[in-house]
Amino acid sequence: MVDESLTVIVREFDVNKDRERVEAVEMSCEVGPNHKLSLFTNMFGDPICRVAEIGEEIVGMIRGCIKTVTCGKKLSRKSKQYNITTHTNQIPIYTKLAYILGLRVSPNQRRMGIGLKLVNEIEAWFRKNGAEYSYMATENDNLASVKLFTDKCGYSKFRTPSILVNPVYAHKIKVSPNVTVIPLTPSEAVILYRNRFSTTEFFPRDIDSVLKNKLSIGTFLAVPSGSYSTESWPGLYKFLLGPPYSWAVLSVWNSKEVFTLQVRGASRVKRALAKTSRVLDRALPWLNLPSIPDLFSPFGFHFLYGLGGEGPKSVKMIKALCGFAHNMALERGCAVVATEVASCEPLRFGIPHWKMLSCAEDLWCIKRLVEDYSDGSVGDWTKSVSEFSIFVDPREI
C-alpha cells in the first residue's frame, strides 16, 4: 500500500497560492559547495513553471523558458544577401532552445527523485511546445547537479563559460580619456547587434525584445577619442559603413530589480576586514583603495551582456566600458557588476574582476529533445565545437 503522504505531485505554479511557500524553499537552498562561502538568491516571487509537493508542502520547483537562438552559421546562396555593413554573407542558423533554470529541492527531501521528476516534467512541456534542444547551467564542482543531468537525464557537457564578477567600490573609476563612450538608442543597438553579432552562438532571435526591455538600462559604444563625440555622432548606419580602427560595445541589465544576492558562511574576521576596506575607501577616496562592498546582506547587481568589439585596441575599449558601467552601478546602489563570457573570449582580458568572487568555469550541459533538425546545415548542435564567443541572454541569469 502506497503512503499517499509521501507521494510527490508535480503541478503548475500558482502565483497566488504558492508564492510564499516557494520563497521559503528558495531561502533554504544555498548556492555553493559545502564549507565554503555560499550565495543565496532572493527571486522576489519570480514565477515558477512547475512545483513539486508532498501533501500540502512544496518541496521543489523548476523554471524554464523557450526561445529561438543561433546555433550555427552558413554562407548565403544569394549574393544579394551580402551586407556592406557586416562585410560578410554569412547568415545565422536558428534553433528552438529550452533553458532549465532555478531547479531547487528542499534540503530535507533530497535523494528522493524529486529533482529528476521535475526535470522530466519540464522537458515534456518543452517538447510539447516545439523545443529542439534543452540546456542548463551549473557550477563545475556541483557534483550532485552534474550527475543528475549527465547520468540520469541524458545531458552532455557542452560549454564552460566564465562568470566574472567585480565589486563596486565606494569611489568612481577613472575612464581612460583616450576613449569616448557613446550611448546608443535601443533601435540603434538592435541594428548593431543584428549586423555584427547575429551569427554568435546563443544569439537570441528576438534581440529587440531584450534591448527594449525595461530592465535593459542601455547600450554603450566605445570609440577612440577624436573619432566621434556624443555631439558629432553621425548615426549608426554611417558608423557601420566606416567604423574606427577599434571599437567595443556592451549593454547593461538591471538585475537589481529582479532579485538580490547574499553571501553566506563568511567568518566574523572576513566581515570585519570587508567593512574596514569600505570605511577606508569612503574616508580616503583619492587613494583609490579597492574595497569590498557589503555582500553579507542582500545586495543588487548589474549584469553586462552583449560584449563585443573589433580592432587591435578593442580590449582597451571594453575595459573603458566596464569602468563606465561600474560608475553607473555605483550611482544606482549596486554592490557588484557581473558578466559571463566564453572561456576563450578575447575580450575577457579587458574585463576587471575579482577571482574570489568569480567562477572560472561555469558548466553548460545540453540535450537534444527531438530526432529531426530544423536546419540540416548544423547537424547535431550538441556535438559542435565551441566558438570564441557566446551571447548570454540576461533574461536567463
Protein backbone atom coordinates (compact mmCIF):
# COMPACT_ATOMS: atom_id res chain seq x y z
CA MET A 1 0.00 0.00 0.00
CA VAL A 2 1.42 3.41 -1.02
CA ASP A 3 1.74 6.06 1.64
CA GLU A 4 -0.05 9.00 -0.01
CA SER A 5 1.64 11.41 2.38
CA LEU A 6 4.95 10.64 0.62
CA THR A 7 3.61 10.82 -2.95
CA VAL A 8 5.29 13.58 -4.94
CA ILE A 9 2.92 15.58 -7.13
CA VAL A 10 4.28 17.93 -9.81
CA ARG A 11 1.93 20.67 -10.98
CA GLU A 12 1.87 24.18 -12.41
CA PHE A 13 2.91 27.07 -10.22
CA ASP A 14 0.05 29.18 -8.83
CA VAL A 15 1.39 32.64 -8.04
CA ASN A 16 -1.42 33.47 -5.61
CA LYS A 17 -1.28 30.18 -3.75
CA ASP A 18 2.39 29.17 -3.91
CA ARG A 19 4.44 32.35 -3.80
CA GLU A 20 5.32 32.45 -0.09
CA ARG A 21 5.94 28.70 0.16
CA VAL A 22 8.19 28.74 -2.90
CA GLU A 23 10.20 31.64 -1.47
CA ALA A 24 10.59 29.68 1.79
CA VAL A 25 12.12 26.75 -0.11
CA GLU A 26 14.32 29.16 -2.07
CA MET A 27 15.62 30.63 1.19
CA SER A 28 16.52 27.17 2.46
CA CYS A 29 18.61 26.44 -0.63
CA GLU A 30 22.08 27.97 -0.73
CA VAL A 31 24.01 28.03 -3.98
CA GLY A 32 27.57 26.89 -3.43
CA PRO A 33 29.66 23.96 -2.19
CA ASN A 34 29.60 22.91 1.44
CA HIS A 35 32.03 24.50 3.91
CA LYS A 36 32.63 27.47 1.58
CA LEU A 37 31.10 30.88 1.07
CA SER A 38 27.68 30.35 -0.44
CA LEU A 39 25.32 32.51 -2.43
CA PHE A 40 21.66 32.96 -1.56
CA THR A 41 19.24 34.19 -4.23
CA ASN A 42 16.01 36.03 -3.45
CA MET A 43 13.88 35.95 -6.61
CA PHE A 44 11.20 38.43 -5.49
CA GLY A 45 8.45 35.91 -6.26
CA ASP A 46 9.59 35.15 -9.79
CA PRO A 47 7.02 32.85 -11.45
CA ILE A 48 7.83 29.14 -11.46
CA CYS A 49 6.70 26.84 -14.24
CA ARG A 50 6.39 23.70 -12.11
CA VAL A 51 6.39 22.92 -8.37
CA ALA A 52 6.67 19.59 -6.55
CA GLU A 53 4.69 18.99 -3.39
CA ILE A 54 4.18 16.25 -0.84
CA GLY A 55 0.79 16.69 0.77
CA GLU A 56 0.48 20.41 1.41
CA GLU A 57 4.23 21.04 1.49
CA ILE A 58 6.12 22.39 -1.52
CA VAL A 59 9.42 20.52 -1.68
CA GLY A 60 10.85 21.65 -5.01
CA MET A 61 10.45 23.88 -8.03
CA ILE A 62 11.83 24.35 -11.51
CA ARG A 63 11.62 27.16 -14.03
CA GLY A 64 12.03 27.01 -17.76
CA CYS A 65 11.72 29.06 -20.92
CA ILE A 66 11.92 28.55 -24.68
CA LYS A 67 13.42 30.89 -27.24
CA THR A 68 14.90 30.84 -30.74
CA VAL A 69 18.69 31.27 -30.82
CA THR A 70 21.64 30.98 -33.18
CA CYS A 71 23.22 27.52 -33.15
CA GLY A 72 25.49 27.91 -36.19
CA LYS A 73 26.08 29.86 -39.38
CA LYS A 74 26.23 29.23 -43.11
CA LEU A 75 27.04 31.07 -46.31
CA SER A 76 24.09 32.62 -48.04
CA ARG A 77 23.47 31.23 -51.52
CA LYS A 78 22.07 34.55 -52.63
CA SER A 79 24.79 37.05 -53.42
CA LYS A 80 22.38 39.88 -52.72
CA GLN A 81 22.40 38.81 -49.07
CA TYR A 82 25.93 40.25 -48.82
CA ASN A 83 25.72 43.12 -46.36
CA ILE A 84 28.06 46.07 -46.80
CA THR A 85 27.79 46.91 -43.11
CA THR A 86 28.89 43.45 -41.92
CA HIS A 87 31.26 42.69 -44.80
CA THR A 88 30.09 39.09 -44.82
CA ASN A 89 27.49 36.91 -46.48
CA GLN A 90 27.19 34.55 -43.53
CA ILE A 91 23.75 34.14 -42.07
CA PRO A 92 22.69 32.55 -38.78
CA ILE A 93 21.16 29.11 -38.35
CA TYR A 94 18.43 29.19 -35.73
CA THR A 95 17.02 26.53 -33.43
CA LYS A 96 14.29 26.45 -30.79
CA LEU A 97 16.13 26.15 -27.48
CA ALA A 98 14.75 25.48 -24.00
CA TYR A 99 16.55 26.56 -20.85
CA ILE A 100 16.21 24.99 -17.42
CA LEU A 101 16.86 27.39 -14.58
CA GLY A 102 16.16 27.58 -10.90
CA LEU A 103 15.93 23.85 -10.08
CA ARG A 104 15.53 23.69 -6.31
CA VAL A 105 14.77 20.80 -3.96
CA SER A 106 14.23 21.28 -0.22
CA PRO A 107 17.29 20.04 1.73
CA ASN A 108 15.08 17.74 3.84
CA GLN A 109 13.64 15.95 0.78
CA ARG A 110 16.70 15.33 -1.34
CA ARG A 111 17.70 11.94 -2.78
CA MET A 112 14.05 11.05 -3.27
CA GLY A 113 13.99 11.50 -7.04
CA ILE A 114 12.21 14.87 -6.83
CA GLY A 115 14.77 16.69 -8.97
CA LEU A 116 14.56 14.03 -11.69
CA LYS A 117 10.78 14.18 -11.68
CA LEU A 118 10.80 17.97 -12.03
CA VAL A 119 13.27 17.80 -14.94
CA ASN A 120 11.16 15.15 -16.72
CA GLU A 121 8.02 17.25 -16.31
CA ILE A 122 9.59 20.44 -17.64
CA GLU A 123 11.14 18.56 -20.57
CA ALA A 124 7.71 17.21 -21.50
CA TRP A 125 6.48 20.80 -21.59
CA PHE A 126 9.48 21.79 -23.74
CA ARG A 127 8.74 19.05 -26.29
CA LYS A 128 5.06 19.90 -26.38
CA ASN A 129 5.97 23.47 -27.25
CA GLY A 130 8.39 22.56 -30.05
CA ALA A 131 11.82 22.88 -28.42
CA GLU A 132 14.60 21.03 -30.24
CA TYR A 133 17.26 21.31 -27.53
CA SER A 134 17.34 21.87 -23.79
CA TYR A 135 20.27 23.18 -21.77
CA MET A 136 21.09 24.08 -18.20
CA ALA A 137 23.91 25.78 -16.31
CA THR A 138 25.57 24.77 -13.06
CA GLU A 139 28.89 25.06 -11.25
CA ASN A 140 31.50 22.58 -12.40
CA ASP A 141 32.04 21.38 -8.83
CA ASN A 142 28.32 20.91 -8.11
CA LEU A 143 28.67 17.15 -8.46
CA ALA A 144 25.08 16.35 -7.48
CA SER A 145 23.67 18.60 -10.18
CA VAL A 146 26.15 17.42 -12.83
CA LYS A 147 25.41 13.77 -12.02
CA LEU A 148 21.65 14.31 -12.16
CA PHE A 149 21.72 15.88 -15.61
CA THR A 150 24.51 13.89 -17.26
CA ASP A 151 23.92 10.44 -15.72
CA LYS A 152 20.15 10.36 -15.24
CA CYS A 153 18.73 12.90 -17.71
CA GLY A 154 20.94 12.33 -20.76
CA TYR A 155 22.63 15.72 -20.96
CA SER A 156 26.19 16.14 -22.18
CA LYS A 157 28.79 18.70 -21.11
CA PHE A 158 28.72 21.43 -23.74
CA ARG A 159 30.34 24.78 -22.88
CA THR A 160 32.39 26.13 -19.96
CA PRO A 161 31.98 29.92 -19.90
CA SER A 162 33.42 32.15 -17.18
CA ILE A 163 31.37 34.25 -14.79
CA LEU A 164 33.38 37.38 -14.00
CA VAL A 165 32.36 39.48 -11.00
CA ASN A 166 33.82 42.80 -9.91
CA PRO A 167 32.90 44.70 -6.73
CA VAL A 168 31.53 48.23 -6.90
CA TYR A 169 33.89 50.45 -4.93
CA ALA A 170 32.88 53.47 -2.88
CA HIS A 171 34.69 55.72 -5.38
CA LYS A 172 34.25 56.20 -9.11
CA ILE A 173 36.66 54.58 -11.52
CA LYS A 174 38.50 56.89 -13.89
CA VAL A 175 37.65 56.07 -17.50
CA SER A 176 40.50 56.49 -19.99
CA PRO A 177 40.47 59.94 -21.66
CA ASN A 178 41.55 58.19 -24.87
CA VAL A 179 38.13 56.58 -25.14
CA THR A 180 34.76 58.18 -25.89
CA VAL A 181 31.62 56.41 -24.69
CA ILE A 182 28.53 56.96 -26.83
CA PRO A 183 25.09 55.82 -25.62
CA LEU A 184 23.03 54.17 -28.35
CA THR A 185 19.28 54.26 -28.67
CA PRO A 186 17.52 50.89 -28.37
CA SER A 187 16.81 50.96 -32.12
CA GLU A 188 20.47 51.64 -32.91
CA ALA A 189 21.51 48.85 -30.55
CA VAL A 190 19.21 46.36 -32.29
CA ILE A 191 20.70 47.22 -35.68
CA LEU A 192 24.28 46.97 -34.39
CA TYR A 193 23.78 43.60 -32.72
CA ARG A 194 21.91 42.09 -35.65
CA ASN A 195 24.52 43.30 -38.12
CA ARG A 196 27.63 42.32 -36.18
CA PHE A 197 26.68 39.54 -33.80
CA SER A 198 23.69 37.61 -35.18
CA THR A 199 25.90 34.59 -36.04
CA THR A 200 27.26 34.40 -32.47
CA GLU A 201 26.29 31.19 -30.67
CA PHE A 202 23.17 31.55 -28.45
CA PHE A 203 22.29 34.93 -30.02
CA PRO A 204 18.53 35.43 -29.41
CA ARG A 205 16.43 35.97 -32.49
CA ASP A 206 14.24 38.38 -30.50
CA ILE A 207 17.17 40.63 -29.61
CA ASP A 208 14.85 43.62 -29.97
CA SER A 209 12.79 42.32 -27.02
CA VAL A 210 15.96 42.13 -24.94
CA LEU A 211 17.33 45.56 -25.77
CA LYS A 212 13.95 47.28 -25.45
CA ASN A 213 13.12 45.56 -22.16
CA LYS A 214 12.58 47.94 -19.24
CA LEU A 215 15.40 46.18 -17.35
CA SER A 216 17.93 46.96 -20.08
CA ILE A 217 19.43 50.23 -18.87
CA GLY A 218 21.26 50.97 -22.11
CA THR A 219 23.79 50.02 -24.77
CA PHE A 220 27.11 51.86 -24.90
CA LEU A 221 29.66 52.11 -27.69
CA ALA A 222 33.34 52.89 -27.05
CA VAL A 223 35.43 54.52 -29.78
CA PRO A 224 38.85 56.22 -29.81
CA SER A 225 38.73 59.84 -28.71
CA GLY A 226 38.77 62.11 -31.72
CA SER A 227 36.86 59.74 -33.99
CA TYR A 228 33.41 60.69 -32.69
CA SER A 229 31.89 62.54 -29.79
CA THR A 230 28.36 62.49 -28.43
CA GLU A 231 27.80 65.76 -30.34
CA SER A 232 29.33 64.65 -33.66
CA TRP A 233 27.87 61.13 -33.66
CA PRO A 234 26.75 60.59 -37.30
CA GLY A 235 24.33 57.78 -36.58
CA LEU A 236 24.75 54.03 -36.60
CA TYR A 237 24.46 53.41 -40.33
CA LYS A 238 27.39 55.70 -41.12
CA PHE A 239 29.33 54.11 -38.27
CA LEU A 240 28.80 50.65 -39.77
CA LEU A 241 29.89 51.85 -43.21
CA GLY A 242 33.18 53.20 -41.85
CA PRO A 243 33.88 52.23 -38.23
CA PRO A 244 37.07 53.41 -36.49
CA TYR A 245 40.06 51.04 -36.35
CA SER A 246 38.97 49.83 -32.91
CA TRP A 247 35.66 49.86 -31.05
CA ALA A 248 33.69 47.92 -28.45
CA VAL A 249 30.12 47.66 -27.23
CA LEU A 250 28.23 46.33 -24.21
CA SER A 251 24.75 46.55 -22.72
CA VAL A 252 23.71 46.82 -19.06
CA TRP A 253 20.88 44.85 -17.44
CA ASN A 254 19.37 45.97 -14.13
CA SER A 255 19.23 42.65 -12.26
CA LYS A 256 18.72 44.57 -9.02
CA GLU A 257 15.05 45.00 -9.94
CA VAL A 258 14.55 41.24 -10.37
CA PHE A 259 16.37 39.60 -7.47
CA THR A 260 19.03 40.11 -4.84
CA LEU A 261 22.01 38.00 -3.81
CA GLN A 262 23.64 37.41 -0.45
CA VAL A 263 26.93 35.80 0.53
CA ARG A 264 26.61 33.45 3.48
CA GLY A 265 29.14 31.50 5.51
CA ALA A 266 31.80 34.18 5.97
CA SER A 267 33.61 34.38 9.28
CA ARG A 268 33.44 37.45 11.52
CA VAL A 269 37.06 38.22 10.62
CA LYS A 270 36.29 38.35 6.89
CA ARG A 271 33.25 40.52 7.55
CA ALA A 272 35.32 42.91 9.66
CA LEU A 273 38.05 43.17 7.00
CA ALA A 274 35.45 43.91 4.33
CA LYS A 275 33.87 46.62 6.48
CA THR A 276 37.27 48.17 7.20
CA SER A 277 38.07 48.34 3.46
CA ARG A 278 34.79 50.21 2.82
CA VAL A 279 35.43 52.70 5.62
CA LEU A 280 38.92 53.47 4.30
CA ASP A 281 37.66 53.81 0.72
CA ARG A 282 34.99 56.32 1.75
CA ALA A 283 37.31 58.26 4.06
CA LEU A 284 40.24 58.38 1.61
CA PRO A 285 38.69 58.19 -1.88
CA TRP A 286 41.68 59.91 -3.55
CA LEU A 287 43.83 56.84 -2.75
CA ASN A 288 41.59 54.66 -4.95
CA LEU A 289 41.82 51.80 -2.45
CA PRO A 290 40.00 48.62 -3.51
CA SER A 291 37.12 47.93 -1.13
CA ILE A 292 34.78 45.01 -0.63
CA PRO A 293 31.11 46.05 -0.65
CA ASP A 294 28.66 44.67 1.90
CA LEU A 295 27.93 41.30 0.29
CA PHE A 296 26.77 39.73 3.55
CA SER A 297 23.39 41.46 3.40
CA PRO A 298 21.04 41.20 0.39
CA PHE A 299 22.54 43.22 -2.47
CA GLY A 300 21.72 44.06 -6.07
CA PHE A 301 23.90 43.99 -9.14
CA HIS A 302 24.11 44.95 -12.81
CA PHE A 303 24.77 42.35 -15.47
CA LEU A 304 26.83 43.25 -18.55
CA TYR A 305 25.77 41.46 -21.71
CA GLY A 306 26.32 41.66 -25.45
CA LEU A 307 30.04 42.39 -25.09
CA GLY A 308 31.78 42.66 -28.43
CA GLY A 309 34.22 44.68 -30.45
CA GLU A 310 36.75 44.82 -33.24
CA GLY A 311 40.26 46.11 -33.77
CA PRO A 312 43.66 45.95 -32.05
CA LYS A 313 42.55 48.13 -29.13
CA SER A 314 39.14 46.54 -28.58
CA VAL A 315 40.34 45.09 -25.25
CA LYS A 316 41.17 48.60 -24.00
CA MET A 317 37.81 49.79 -25.28
CA ILE A 318 35.93 47.09 -23.35
CA LYS A 319 37.93 47.93 -20.21
CA ALA A 320 36.81 51.56 -20.52
CA LEU A 321 33.20 50.44 -20.94
CA CYS A 322 33.48 48.26 -17.82
CA GLY A 323 34.71 51.29 -15.88
CA PHE A 324 31.79 53.32 -17.23
CA ALA A 325 29.38 50.52 -16.18
CA HIS A 326 30.98 50.40 -12.69
CA ASN A 327 30.28 54.08 -12.17
CA MET A 328 26.71 53.61 -13.32
CA ALA A 329 26.27 50.75 -10.85
CA LEU A 330 27.72 52.93 -8.06
CA GLU A 331 25.15 55.63 -8.77
CA ARG A 332 22.33 53.07 -8.68
CA GLY A 333 23.39 51.48 -5.39
CA CYS A 334 24.63 48.12 -6.68
CA ALA A 335 27.29 46.08 -4.88
CA VAL A 336 28.79 44.21 -7.84
CA VAL A 337 28.94 44.18 -11.63
CA ALA A 338 28.96 40.79 -13.34
CA THR A 339 29.17 39.29 -16.79
CA GLU A 340 29.55 35.88 -18.42
CA VAL A 341 31.73 35.19 -21.46
CA ALA A 342 33.10 32.22 -23.35
CA SER A 343 36.23 30.71 -21.82
CA CYS A 344 38.24 31.68 -24.91
CA GLU A 345 36.66 35.12 -25.40
CA PRO A 346 39.47 37.51 -26.50
CA LEU A 347 37.82 40.49 -24.78
CA ARG A 348 37.86 38.86 -21.35
CA PHE A 349 41.38 40.27 -20.78
CA GLY A 350 39.81 43.73 -20.62
CA ILE A 351 37.09 42.79 -18.09
CA PRO A 352 38.06 43.72 -14.50
CA HIS A 353 37.08 41.05 -11.97
CA TRP A 354 37.99 39.55 -8.64
CA LYS A 355 38.96 35.89 -8.76
CA MET A 356 37.47 35.22 -5.32
CA LEU A 357 34.05 36.42 -6.49
CA SER A 358 34.15 34.88 -9.97
CA CYS A 359 33.63 31.40 -11.39
CA ALA A 360 36.34 30.45 -13.88
CA GLU A 361 34.38 27.50 -15.24
CA ASP A 362 30.62 27.57 -15.24
CA LEU A 363 29.24 24.44 -16.89
CA TRP A 364 26.53 24.35 -19.55
CA CYS A 365 25.03 20.95 -20.38
CA ILE A 366 22.81 20.29 -23.37
CA LYS A 367 20.42 17.61 -24.64
CA ARG A 368 18.73 17.06 -28.00
CA LEU A 369 14.98 16.63 -27.45
CA VAL A 370 13.93 15.60 -30.98
CA GLU A 371 15.23 13.34 -33.72
CA ASP A 372 14.89 15.79 -36.61
CA TYR A 373 16.74 19.07 -37.10
CA SER A 374 15.25 22.41 -38.10
CA ASP A 375 18.25 23.05 -40.34
CA GLY A 376 20.45 20.27 -41.70
CA SER A 377 23.44 22.61 -42.08
CA VAL A 378 24.35 22.48 -38.41
CA GLY A 379 23.65 18.79 -37.80
CA ASP A 380 23.62 17.83 -34.13
CA TRP A 381 24.43 21.01 -32.20
CA THR A 382 25.38 19.01 -29.10
CA LYS A 383 28.46 17.73 -30.97
CA SER A 384 29.63 21.09 -32.32
CA VAL A 385 32.98 22.67 -31.48
CA SER A 386 32.92 25.63 -29.14
CA GLU A 387 33.49 29.10 -30.64
CA PHE A 388 35.39 32.11 -29.36
CA SER A 389 32.27 33.99 -28.27
CA ILE A 390 28.79 33.29 -26.94
CA PHE A 391 25.83 35.57 -26.31
CA VAL A 392 24.49 35.30 -22.77
CA ASP A 393 20.84 36.28 -22.55
CA PRO A 394 20.33 38.48 -19.45
CA ARG A 395 16.76 37.22 -19.09
CA GLU A 396 18.16 33.85 -18.01
CA ILE A 397 20.59 34.83 -15.28
